[in-house]
Amino acid sequence: MKRNFTAVYKKDGGWVLAWVEEIPGVNTQGRTLREAKTNLKEALGLILETNRNLAFGRGGDVKREEISVTLSA
């Protein structure tokens, strides 16, 4: 399943800071934009995998469903 997220990149000195706008905790850095993008994809994948494992590892009846929100500009 493909999902889309918003990646944000900010140059700060000799580093490029990167984070995913929709998911707190998904952040990283790199010396180049390319490195920051690679690191961010890896971080996002790890967080999503960990969150899924935590949800199903708690036992009990777990229900998953899509949810949508509309953000104001």
Protein backbone atom coordinates (compact mmCIF):
# COMPACT_ATOMS: atom_id res chain seq x y z
CA MET A 1 0.00 0.00 0.00
CA LYS A 2 1.39 3.37 -0.99
CA ARG A 3 0.84 6.35 1.30
CA ASN A 4 1.84 9.95 0.83
CA PHE A 5 3.24 12.24 3.49
CA THR A 6 4.69 15.75 3.54
CA ALA A 7 8.47 15.89 3.87
CA VAL A 8 9.95 19.18 5.07
CA TYR A 9 13.62 20.08 4.53
CA LYS A 10 15.50 22.99 6.07
CA LYS A 11 19.14 23.95 5.57
CA ASP A 12 20.84 24.65 8.91
CA GLY A 13 24.56 25.34 8.72
CA GLY A 14 26.27 22.31 7.24
CA TRP A 15 23.22 20.09 7.67
CA VAL A 16 19.87 19.56 6.02
CA LEU A 17 17.20 18.91 8.65
CA ALA A 18 14.25 16.78 7.59
CA TRP A 19 10.95 15.77 9.12
CA VAL A 20 7.52 14.44 8.21
CA GLU A 21 4.85 17.01 8.89
CA GLU A 22 2.07 14.54 9.71
CA ILE A 23 3.88 12.22 12.12
CA PRO A 24 5.68 13.52 15.22
CA GLY A 25 9.01 11.84 15.83
CA VAL A 26 9.88 11.20 12.20
CA ASN A 27 12.88 13.47 11.81
CA THR A 28 16.49 13.18 10.74
CA GLN A 29 19.30 15.07 9.08
CA GLY A 30 21.92 14.72 6.38
CA ARG A 31 24.91 16.55 5.00
CA THR A 32 23.14 16.83 1.64
CA LEU A 33 19.51 17.01 0.57
CA ARG A 34 19.86 13.61 -1.04
CA GLU A 35 21.21 12.07 2.19
CA ALA A 36 18.45 13.73 4.24
CA LYS A 37 15.78 12.35 1.86
CA THR A 38 17.21 8.84 2.09
CA ASN A 39 17.43 9.04 5.88
CA LEU A 40 13.88 10.40 6.14
CA LYS A 41 12.40 7.57 4.07
CA GLU A 42 14.17 5.05 6.29
CA ALA A 43 13.01 6.80 9.50
CA LEU A 44 9.41 6.95 8.27
CA GLY A 45 9.41 3.28 7.35
CA LEU A 46 10.80 2.29 10.74
CA ILE A 47 8.26 4.38 12.66
CA LEU A 48 5.31 3.03 10.66
CA GLU A 49 6.51 -0.55 11.11
CA THR A 50 7.08 -0.05 14.84
CA ASN A 51 3.66 1.56 15.36
CA ARG A 52 1.96 -1.31 13.55
CA ASN A 53 3.86 -3.91 15.58
CA LEU A 54 2.99 -2.15 18.83
CA ALA A 55 -0.70 -2.01 17.93
CA PHE A 56 -0.92 -5.71 17.13
CA GLY A 57 1.43 -6.80 19.92
CA ARG A 58 -0.90 -5.51 22.64
CA GLY A 59 -3.38 -8.33 22.12
CA GLY A 60 -7.12 -8.04 22.30
CA ASP A 61 -9.43 -7.02 19.52
CA VAL A 62 -7.63 -4.55 17.25
CA LYS A 63 -9.59 -2.76 14.55
CA ARG A 64 -7.96 -0.80 11.73
CA GLU A 65 -9.68 1.62 9.40
CA GLU A 66 -8.83 4.56 7.19
CA ILE A 67 -9.49 8.00 8.58
CA SER A 68 -9.59 11.30 6.72
CA VAL A 69 -9.40 14.86 7.94
CA THR A 70 -9.62 18.16 6.13
CA LEU A 71 -7.09 20.74 7.21
CA SER A 72 -7.78 24.42 6.92
CA ALA A 73 -5.18 26.49 5.08
